[in-house]
Amino acid sequence: MLKHFKVDVRRHQLVVDVEFYQMNLASVVEIARTSEPDAFVEDGVFLPSWSKFAANPVRAKGFFTNMLQAVMEGKGGDDSLNVDYQTGRKAKEGMKVAMMFLPGSTTNANLQEIKPIAEQALRGFRVVLVSGAEDISNATAEKSVKEEIEKAEKTGQHILILSAGMAQRSFSIPQITELYLAYDTGDNGATIQKMSRTLTPHKVGKVGRVVSLSFDPNRDDKFDAMLLTTAKNYKANKGYKDLKQALRDVLRTVDIFKCQQDGAVKIEIDNYLEDIIARKSIDRLIGKVASVHEWTHDMVSALANGNIDVFRAARKEAAARGKTRLNLVKKKSGANKTDASEKELKLAREMIVTISQNIDIIKFYGGNTIEEAFALMDADGTDIQDDVTRQFGVPYTMIKELVLTNFINRDLLDLKFA
């Protein structure tokens, strides 16, 4: 019980609810396929992505224009992209303040091309670019945007804030109620920070809506990573027996919708785990969270090349120096990182993802747990172990080492084994 303070009910009422929406851009992609056939072509294949748009926004101008008008203004006849229809937003709610995060690879020069495209597409919006190209810094972004909102209020305009990464932290604009994720993949922590831009308290009853603009919903794991990470924290802090139960409880507190022609449909808890396994979200997250950047160079190199003997030797050497997995050097940015090359780190993560993707092979050999499965394979001898090596493309002994010593996150891996 509080002894020196009273509960302020008004503060509780200002806590912002959040809703998540998966929006499939297939219809505007199809328009681009016929009207801009070269916009997303790679090696003769039409393969759209946000990174390609960011690299050449003028080339994909038609796509971006159609997308903005469909989402923000309900044009084009695809109600699954009409955000006001999907979220139930009413005109009486007044001025809309939305924010859109574009790929982090978007250059300042290309951001300056994207802004006028958005302005031409959305005549009722004041488009605000948060970028060094506008002589804005992280320190001045909030003040600058608030000034633009004041101007828009006087002219009766809505606001669309565009950023390629700036203002994802320490940026509190109470009026933001819609946050659009317009990038393919990204760092899990950074995505969560971006989502938080909708959560600054404003009026009682405010709802922050986070919309993932996806070219391929079957591979869109932006929400998955956030929910799985939250479930991991639940398990660690609240004593859950397994991650699956923690995830179920997290999902009970979160509203996730798929946008469809007849309106948004809430994703059922029981279907969610099946969905993320089907789109390999767990595998990708396992690769992302693996702390290979904290390993010694020899350990990373051994994993990248599938050499268990070298891996074990490097691990023992690091342990003998009292620096297990912490033979680190400082980058100029100040971030901790191994002295392994980016190529080796990428290969090491890919090796971990490969093991996760194929864990069903281990499960096939029996046992109720991963430990039991390995014990059965150990008892059956080298034939099965050699078979596993051939199917994985990774030595059996390395798979076992990485899994049983938790180099591969066991909480996440156990979700697939259950």
Protein backbone atom coordinates (compact mmCIF):
# COMPACT_ATOMS: atom_id res chain seq x y z
CA MET A 1 0.00 0.00 0.00
CA LEU A 2 1.11 3.55 -0.71
CA LYS A 3 1.92 5.46 2.49
CA HIS A 4 3.01 8.87 1.27
CA PHE A 5 1.15 9.24 -2.04
CA LYS A 6 -2.39 8.71 -3.25
CA VAL A 7 -3.26 6.81 -6.42
CA ASP A 8 -3.89 9.32 -9.21
CA VAL A 9 -6.68 7.70 -11.24
CA ARG A 10 -6.25 10.27 -14.00
CA ARG A 11 -2.74 8.97 -14.69
CA HIS A 12 -4.05 5.42 -15.05
CA GLN A 13 -6.65 6.66 -17.52
CA LEU A 14 -3.93 8.25 -19.66
CA VAL A 15 -2.08 4.95 -20.19
CA VAL A 16 -2.18 4.37 -23.95
CA ASP A 17 -3.69 1.16 -25.31
CA VAL A 18 -1.94 -0.26 -28.36
CA GLU A 19 -3.22 -2.21 -31.36
CA PHE A 20 -1.12 -3.93 -34.01
CA TYR A 21 -2.14 -4.34 -37.65
CA GLN A 22 -0.62 -6.45 -40.41
CA MET A 23 -1.36 -4.80 -43.74
CA ASN A 24 -0.72 -6.70 -46.98
CA LEU A 25 0.43 -4.44 -49.84
CA ALA A 26 -0.29 -7.06 -52.52
CA SER A 27 -2.87 -4.96 -54.39
CA VAL A 28 -0.64 -1.90 -54.85
CA VAL A 29 2.28 -4.21 -55.67
CA GLU A 30 0.17 -5.71 -58.46
CA ILE A 31 -0.49 -2.22 -59.84
CA ALA A 32 3.25 -1.58 -59.78
CA ARG A 33 3.88 -4.88 -61.55
CA THR A 34 1.94 -3.64 -64.59
CA SER A 35 2.57 0.10 -64.47
CA GLU A 36 6.18 0.08 -63.21
CA PRO A 37 7.55 -3.31 -64.28
CA ASP A 38 11.16 -2.24 -63.75
CA ALA A 39 10.68 -0.69 -60.31
CA PHE A 40 11.35 -3.86 -58.32
CA VAL A 41 13.08 -6.14 -60.81
CA GLU A 42 16.23 -7.98 -59.72
CA ASP A 43 17.98 -10.45 -62.04
CA GLY A 44 14.90 -10.50 -64.23
CA VAL A 45 12.56 -11.30 -61.30
CA PHE A 46 9.92 -8.91 -59.97
CA LEU A 47 10.63 -8.96 -56.25
CA PRO A 48 9.38 -5.90 -54.33
CA SER A 49 11.01 -4.72 -51.12
CA TRP A 50 11.21 -1.56 -49.07
CA SER A 51 14.99 -1.48 -49.45
CA LYS A 52 14.60 -1.30 -53.25
CA PHE A 53 12.15 1.56 -52.88
CA ALA A 54 14.57 3.36 -50.56
CA ALA A 55 17.43 2.91 -53.03
CA ASN A 56 15.50 4.51 -55.90
CA PRO A 57 12.27 6.19 -54.75
CA VAL A 58 11.73 8.09 -58.00
CA ARG A 59 11.75 4.83 -59.95
CA ALA A 60 9.05 3.45 -57.65
CA LYS A 61 7.14 6.73 -57.35
CA GLY A 62 3.89 5.24 -58.63
CA PHE A 63 3.96 2.44 -56.09
CA PHE A 64 4.59 4.80 -53.16
CA THR A 65 1.91 7.23 -54.35
CA ASN A 66 -0.69 4.47 -54.73
CA MET A 67 0.26 2.99 -51.36
CA LEU A 68 -0.07 6.30 -49.50
CA GLN A 69 -3.38 7.16 -51.13
CA ALA A 70 -4.81 3.69 -50.48
CA VAL A 71 -3.75 3.67 -46.83
CA MET A 72 -4.28 7.29 -45.82
CA GLU A 73 -7.17 8.29 -48.10
CA GLY A 74 -8.90 4.99 -48.87
CA LYS A 75 -8.39 5.32 -52.62
CA GLY A 76 -7.98 2.47 -55.08
CA GLY A 77 -10.86 0.28 -53.97
CA ASP A 78 -8.88 -2.04 -51.66
CA ASP A 79 -10.56 -1.69 -48.28
CA SER A 80 -7.91 -3.88 -46.64
CA LEU A 81 -5.54 -0.91 -47.02
CA ASN A 82 -7.96 1.77 -45.84
CA VAL A 83 -6.52 2.37 -42.38
CA ASP A 84 -9.48 4.38 -41.10
CA TYR A 85 -11.84 1.55 -42.06
CA GLN A 86 -9.57 -1.12 -40.60
CA THR A 87 -9.05 0.69 -37.28
CA GLY A 88 -12.54 2.18 -36.97
CA ARG A 89 -11.21 5.72 -36.86
CA LYS A 90 -13.94 8.38 -37.13
CA ALA A 91 -13.72 11.76 -38.87
CA LYS A 92 -14.82 13.47 -35.66
CA GLU A 93 -11.47 12.50 -34.13
CA GLY A 94 -10.08 15.45 -36.03
CA MET A 95 -6.49 15.98 -37.09
CA LYS A 96 -4.45 12.84 -37.67
CA VAL A 97 -0.78 12.73 -36.72
CA ALA A 98 0.93 9.68 -38.23
CA MET A 99 4.58 8.65 -38.34
CA MET A 100 6.25 6.37 -40.87
CA PHE A 101 9.65 4.74 -40.48
CA LEU A 102 11.38 3.96 -43.76
CA PRO A 103 14.40 1.65 -44.19
CA GLY A 104 17.46 2.70 -42.22
CA SER A 105 19.44 2.50 -45.47
CA THR A 106 17.51 5.43 -46.96
CA THR A 107 19.98 8.21 -47.72
CA ASN A 108 19.29 11.85 -46.93
CA ALA A 109 19.27 12.59 -50.64
CA ASN A 110 16.58 9.96 -51.24
CA LEU A 111 14.57 11.14 -48.25
CA GLN A 112 14.45 14.53 -49.94
CA GLU A 113 12.99 12.80 -53.00
CA ILE A 114 10.45 10.86 -50.94
CA LYS A 115 9.07 13.91 -49.14
CA PRO A 116 7.73 15.72 -52.27
CA ILE A 117 6.32 12.43 -53.60
CA ALA A 118 4.35 12.11 -50.35
CA GLU A 119 3.28 15.76 -50.51
CA GLN A 120 1.97 15.33 -54.06
CA ALA A 121 0.16 12.12 -53.14
CA LEU A 122 -1.48 13.44 -49.96
CA ARG A 123 -2.83 16.92 -50.54
CA GLY A 124 -4.56 17.03 -47.18
CA PHE A 125 -1.37 16.26 -45.25
CA ARG A 126 1.53 18.33 -44.08
CA VAL A 127 4.55 16.06 -44.61
CA VAL A 128 7.34 16.52 -42.08
CA LEU A 129 10.75 14.99 -42.76
CA VAL A 130 12.85 14.22 -39.70
CA SER A 131 16.33 13.99 -41.16
CA GLY A 132 19.73 15.56 -41.20
CA ALA A 133 18.84 16.71 -44.70
CA GLU A 134 16.34 19.11 -43.11
CA ASP A 135 18.97 20.39 -40.69
CA ILE A 136 17.22 18.47 -37.89
CA SER A 137 19.04 16.48 -35.23
CA ASN A 138 17.76 14.03 -32.63
CA ALA A 139 18.04 16.85 -30.11
CA THR A 140 15.88 19.26 -32.15
CA ALA A 141 13.46 16.80 -33.80
CA GLU A 142 10.75 16.97 -31.16
CA LYS A 143 10.63 20.76 -31.07
CA SER A 144 10.63 20.97 -34.87
CA VAL A 145 7.76 18.49 -35.26
CA LYS A 146 5.65 20.19 -32.59
CA GLU A 147 6.01 23.46 -34.48
CA GLU A 148 4.82 21.75 -37.67
CA ILE A 149 1.82 20.30 -35.84
CA GLU A 150 0.85 23.79 -34.66
CA LYS A 151 1.00 25.03 -38.26
CA ALA A 152 -1.12 22.10 -39.47
CA GLU A 153 -3.75 22.80 -36.81
CA LYS A 154 -4.15 26.31 -38.17
CA THR A 155 -4.52 25.15 -41.78
CA GLY A 156 -6.74 22.12 -41.07
CA GLN A 157 -4.19 19.58 -42.32
CA HIS A 158 -3.20 16.14 -41.12
CA ILE A 159 0.45 15.35 -40.37
CA LEU A 160 2.68 12.59 -41.77
CA ILE A 161 6.14 12.38 -40.18
CA LEU A 162 8.77 10.55 -42.24
CA SER A 163 11.99 9.17 -40.78
CA ALA A 164 14.64 6.63 -41.69
CA GLY A 165 15.63 6.08 -38.07
CA MET A 166 15.99 9.49 -36.49
CA ALA A 167 13.59 10.24 -33.62
CA GLN A 168 13.05 6.60 -32.68
CA ARG A 169 14.23 7.45 -29.16
CA SER A 170 13.66 10.40 -26.82
CA PHE A 171 10.95 11.70 -29.14
CA SER A 172 7.59 12.24 -27.47
CA ILE A 173 4.76 13.65 -29.55
CA PRO A 174 1.45 13.06 -27.71
CA GLN A 175 -0.67 13.52 -30.85
CA ILE A 176 0.87 10.55 -32.72
CA THR A 177 -1.77 7.81 -32.90
CA GLU A 178 -0.55 5.89 -35.98
CA LEU A 179 2.90 4.41 -36.53
CA TYR A 180 3.78 2.78 -39.87
CA LEU A 181 6.67 0.34 -40.25
CA ALA A 182 7.75 0.62 -43.89
CA TYR A 183 10.88 -1.53 -43.93
CA ASP A 184 11.67 -5.18 -44.56
CA THR A 185 13.65 -6.30 -41.54
CA GLY A 186 15.37 -4.57 -38.70
CA ASP A 187 16.88 -4.82 -35.27
CA ASN A 188 14.36 -6.11 -32.76
CA GLY A 189 15.19 -3.48 -30.13
CA ALA A 190 15.03 -0.65 -32.64
CA THR A 191 11.61 -1.82 -33.85
CA ILE A 192 10.25 -1.80 -30.31
CA GLN A 193 11.60 1.72 -29.83
CA LYS A 194 9.87 2.85 -33.02
CA MET A 195 6.57 1.32 -31.93
CA SER A 196 6.80 3.27 -28.69
CA ARG A 197 6.40 6.57 -30.55
CA THR A 198 2.63 6.01 -30.41
CA LEU A 199 2.57 5.49 -26.65
CA THR A 200 3.08 9.02 -25.33
CA PRO A 201 -0.02 9.87 -23.24
CA HIS A 202 -2.37 12.49 -24.68
CA LYS A 203 -6.12 12.36 -24.13
CA VAL A 204 -8.06 9.80 -22.09
CA GLY A 205 -8.86 6.83 -24.30
CA LYS A 206 -6.01 7.32 -26.75
CA VAL A 207 -5.16 4.20 -28.76
CA GLY A 208 -1.75 3.84 -30.42
CA ARG A 209 -2.01 1.90 -33.69
CA VAL A 210 1.07 0.25 -35.14
CA VAL A 211 0.76 -0.83 -38.77
CA SER A 212 3.27 -3.10 -40.49
CA LEU A 213 3.23 -2.39 -44.24
CA SER A 214 4.26 -5.74 -45.61
CA PHE A 215 5.07 -7.04 -49.09
CA ASP A 216 4.91 -10.59 -47.76
CA PRO A 217 2.94 -11.11 -44.52
CA ASN A 218 4.12 -14.72 -44.42
CA ARG A 219 7.63 -13.42 -43.69
CA ASP A 220 6.73 -10.30 -41.72
CA ASP A 221 8.13 -10.89 -38.23
CA LYS A 222 8.25 -7.35 -36.82
CA PHE A 223 5.50 -8.05 -34.29
CA ASP A 224 6.68 -11.61 -33.70
CA ALA A 225 10.08 -10.52 -32.45
CA MET A 226 8.54 -8.00 -30.06
CA LEU A 227 6.05 -10.51 -28.65
CA LEU A 228 8.57 -13.33 -28.32
CA THR A 229 11.03 -11.01 -26.57
CA THR A 230 8.29 -9.87 -24.18
CA ALA A 231 7.38 -13.51 -23.50
CA LYS A 232 11.04 -14.30 -22.75
CA ASN A 233 11.08 -11.48 -20.19
CA TYR A 234 7.80 -12.75 -18.68
CA LYS A 235 9.28 -16.22 -18.31
CA ALA A 236 12.44 -14.89 -16.68
CA ASN A 237 10.71 -12.49 -14.29
CA LYS A 238 7.45 -14.25 -13.41
CA GLY A 239 8.48 -17.87 -13.08
CA TYR A 240 6.67 -19.41 -16.03
CA LYS A 241 7.47 -23.07 -16.63
CA ASP A 242 7.94 -22.61 -20.37
CA LEU A 243 7.96 -19.88 -23.01
CA LYS A 244 4.79 -21.14 -24.68
CA GLN A 245 2.65 -20.39 -21.64
CA ALA A 246 4.32 -17.01 -21.19
CA LEU A 247 3.60 -16.21 -24.85
CA ARG A 248 -0.05 -17.17 -24.46
CA ASP A 249 -0.40 -14.77 -21.53
CA VAL A 250 1.35 -11.99 -23.45
CA LEU A 251 -1.02 -12.50 -26.38
CA ARG A 252 -4.02 -12.19 -24.06
CA THR A 253 -2.95 -8.61 -23.35
CA VAL A 254 -2.24 -7.63 -26.97
CA ASP A 255 -4.57 -7.00 -29.90
CA ILE A 256 -3.08 -8.06 -33.25
CA PHE A 257 -5.19 -7.76 -36.37
CA LYS A 258 -4.92 -8.88 -39.98
CA CYS A 259 -6.33 -6.28 -42.35
CA GLN A 260 -8.89 -7.76 -44.75
CA GLN A 261 -11.49 -6.50 -47.24
CA ASP A 262 -14.31 -6.90 -44.73
CA GLY A 263 -12.34 -5.27 -41.92
CA ALA A 264 -9.63 -6.15 -39.45
CA VAL A 265 -9.75 -9.64 -37.94
CA LYS A 266 -8.11 -10.28 -34.58
CA ILE A 267 -5.58 -13.10 -34.61
CA GLU A 268 -6.54 -15.93 -32.26
CA ILE A 269 -4.05 -16.90 -29.57
CA ASP A 270 -4.14 -20.57 -30.48
CA ASN A 271 -3.26 -19.82 -34.10
CA TYR A 272 -0.46 -17.39 -33.44
CA LEU A 273 2.33 -19.81 -32.51
CA GLU A 274 1.49 -21.96 -35.51
CA ASP A 275 1.69 -18.86 -37.73
CA ILE A 276 5.10 -17.73 -36.49
CA ILE A 277 6.54 -21.22 -36.89
CA ALA A 278 5.13 -21.43 -40.42
CA ARG A 279 6.75 -18.14 -41.43
CA LYS A 280 10.02 -19.08 -39.71
CA SER A 281 9.92 -16.07 -37.39
CA ILE A 282 11.37 -18.09 -34.52
CA ASP A 283 14.31 -19.20 -36.67
CA ARG A 284 15.12 -15.65 -37.73
CA LEU A 285 14.80 -14.36 -34.15
CA ILE A 286 17.06 -17.14 -32.87
CA GLY A 287 19.66 -15.98 -35.39
CA LYS A 288 19.22 -12.35 -34.38
CA VAL A 289 19.52 -12.87 -30.63
CA ALA A 290 22.49 -15.24 -30.81
CA SER A 291 25.34 -13.37 -29.13
CA VAL A 292 27.93 -14.19 -31.79
CA HIS A 293 29.17 -10.61 -31.59
CA GLU A 294 30.40 -11.45 -28.06
CA TRP A 295 32.37 -14.53 -29.10
CA THR A 296 36.05 -14.67 -29.85
CA HIS A 297 37.11 -14.45 -33.46
CA ASP A 298 38.20 -18.11 -33.46
CA MET A 299 34.81 -19.23 -32.12
CA VAL A 300 32.92 -17.27 -34.78
CA SER A 301 35.20 -18.53 -37.53
CA ALA A 302 34.85 -22.14 -36.35
CA LEU A 303 31.07 -21.90 -36.28
CA ALA A 304 30.97 -20.21 -39.68
CA ASN A 305 32.99 -23.09 -41.08
CA GLY A 306 31.28 -25.85 -39.10
CA ASN A 307 34.43 -26.97 -37.27
CA ILE A 308 33.49 -28.27 -33.83
CA ASP A 309 37.03 -29.12 -32.74
CA VAL A 310 38.27 -25.59 -33.40
CA PHE A 311 35.12 -24.19 -31.75
CA ARG A 312 35.70 -26.19 -28.57
CA ALA A 313 39.39 -25.31 -28.47
CA ALA A 314 38.65 -21.61 -28.92
CA ARG A 315 36.00 -21.75 -26.24
CA LYS A 316 38.37 -23.41 -23.77
CA GLU A 317 41.11 -20.90 -24.55
CA ALA A 318 38.73 -18.00 -23.94
CA ALA A 319 37.55 -19.58 -20.68
CA ALA A 320 41.13 -20.06 -19.55
CA ARG A 321 41.70 -16.34 -19.98
CA GLY A 322 38.58 -15.63 -17.96
CA LYS A 323 36.88 -14.04 -20.96
CA THR A 324 34.48 -16.67 -22.22
CA ARG A 325 32.57 -15.16 -25.16
CA LEU A 326 33.92 -11.74 -24.26
CA ASN A 327 37.08 -11.21 -26.29
CA LEU A 328 35.78 -7.85 -27.39
CA VAL A 329 37.11 -4.73 -29.07
CA LYS A 330 35.55 -1.30 -29.19
CA LYS A 331 34.17 0.04 -32.43
CA LYS A 332 34.49 3.75 -33.08
CA SER A 333 30.78 4.05 -32.25
CA GLY A 334 31.53 2.66 -28.80
CA ALA A 335 29.57 -0.56 -29.31
CA ASN A 336 31.07 -3.85 -28.12
CA LYS A 337 31.93 -6.23 -30.90
CA THR A 338 34.15 -9.18 -31.68
CA ASP A 339 37.05 -8.74 -34.10
CA ALA A 340 35.45 -11.28 -36.45
CA SER A 341 34.57 -9.93 -39.87
CA GLU A 342 31.01 -9.03 -40.83
CA LYS A 343 31.05 -11.90 -43.32
CA GLU A 344 32.04 -14.40 -40.62
CA LEU A 345 29.38 -13.07 -38.24
CA LYS A 346 26.76 -13.36 -40.97
CA LEU A 347 27.81 -16.93 -41.75
CA ALA A 348 27.79 -17.85 -38.05
CA ARG A 349 24.25 -16.52 -37.63
CA GLU A 350 23.16 -18.34 -40.79
CA MET A 351 24.57 -21.55 -39.33
CA ILE A 352 22.49 -21.03 -36.18
CA VAL A 353 19.36 -20.29 -38.24
CA THR A 354 19.99 -23.47 -40.27
CA ILE A 355 20.10 -25.56 -37.10
CA SER A 356 16.88 -23.97 -35.85
CA GLN A 357 15.11 -24.44 -39.18
CA ASN A 358 15.95 -28.14 -39.18
CA ILE A 359 15.37 -28.97 -35.52
CA ASP A 360 12.45 -31.19 -36.62
CA ILE A 361 15.10 -33.64 -37.84
CA ILE A 362 16.28 -34.00 -34.24
CA LYS A 363 12.68 -34.25 -33.04
CA PHE A 364 12.03 -37.04 -35.56
CA TYR A 365 14.43 -39.37 -33.77
CA GLY A 366 12.27 -39.40 -30.64
CA GLY A 367 12.25 -38.10 -27.09
CA ASN A 368 10.01 -35.61 -25.31
CA THR A 369 12.79 -33.07 -24.95
CA ILE A 370 15.82 -32.03 -26.94
CA GLU A 371 18.06 -33.65 -24.31
CA GLU A 372 16.23 -36.95 -24.69
CA ALA A 373 16.47 -36.78 -28.48
CA PHE A 374 20.24 -36.29 -28.39
CA ALA A 375 20.59 -39.08 -25.81
CA LEU A 376 18.73 -41.47 -28.11
CA MET A 377 20.90 -40.51 -31.08
CA ASP A 378 24.06 -40.91 -29.01
CA ALA A 379 22.94 -44.40 -27.99
CA ASP A 380 22.13 -45.42 -31.58
CA GLY A 381 25.66 -44.76 -32.78
CA THR A 382 27.37 -43.05 -35.67
CA ASP A 383 24.98 -43.96 -38.50
CA ILE A 384 22.23 -41.67 -37.22
CA GLN A 385 24.73 -38.98 -36.30
CA ASP A 386 26.23 -39.09 -39.79
CA ASP A 387 22.72 -38.88 -41.25
CA VAL A 388 21.98 -35.77 -39.17
CA THR A 389 25.26 -34.22 -40.30
CA ARG A 390 24.34 -34.80 -43.95
CA GLN A 391 20.85 -33.36 -43.55
CA PHE A 392 21.94 -30.28 -41.63
CA GLY A 393 25.16 -29.63 -43.47
CA VAL A 394 26.61 -29.07 -39.99
CA PRO A 395 28.50 -31.65 -37.88
CA TYR A 396 26.25 -33.51 -35.43
CA THR A 397 28.64 -32.80 -32.56
CA MET A 398 28.49 -29.07 -33.28
CA ILE A 399 24.70 -29.09 -33.35
CA LYS A 400 24.63 -30.84 -30.00
CA GLU A 401 27.23 -28.49 -28.50
CA LEU A 402 25.41 -25.34 -29.60
CA VAL A 403 21.99 -26.52 -28.47
CA LEU A 404 22.77 -28.14 -25.13
CA THR A 405 25.08 -25.35 -23.95
CA ASN A 406 22.48 -22.69 -24.82
CA PHE A 407 24.57 -20.96 -27.47
CA ILE A 408 21.32 -21.29 -29.40
CA ASN A 409 18.52 -19.80 -27.33
CA ARG A 410 16.73 -22.75 -25.75
CA ASP A 411 13.55 -20.90 -24.79
CA LEU A 412 12.89 -20.10 -28.43
CA LEU A 413 14.08 -23.45 -29.72
CA ASP A 414 11.85 -25.34 -27.29
CA LEU A 415 8.81 -23.60 -28.82
CA LYS A 416 9.54 -25.51 -32.02
CA PHE A 417 10.24 -28.77 -30.22
CA ALA A 418 7.01 -28.76 -28.19
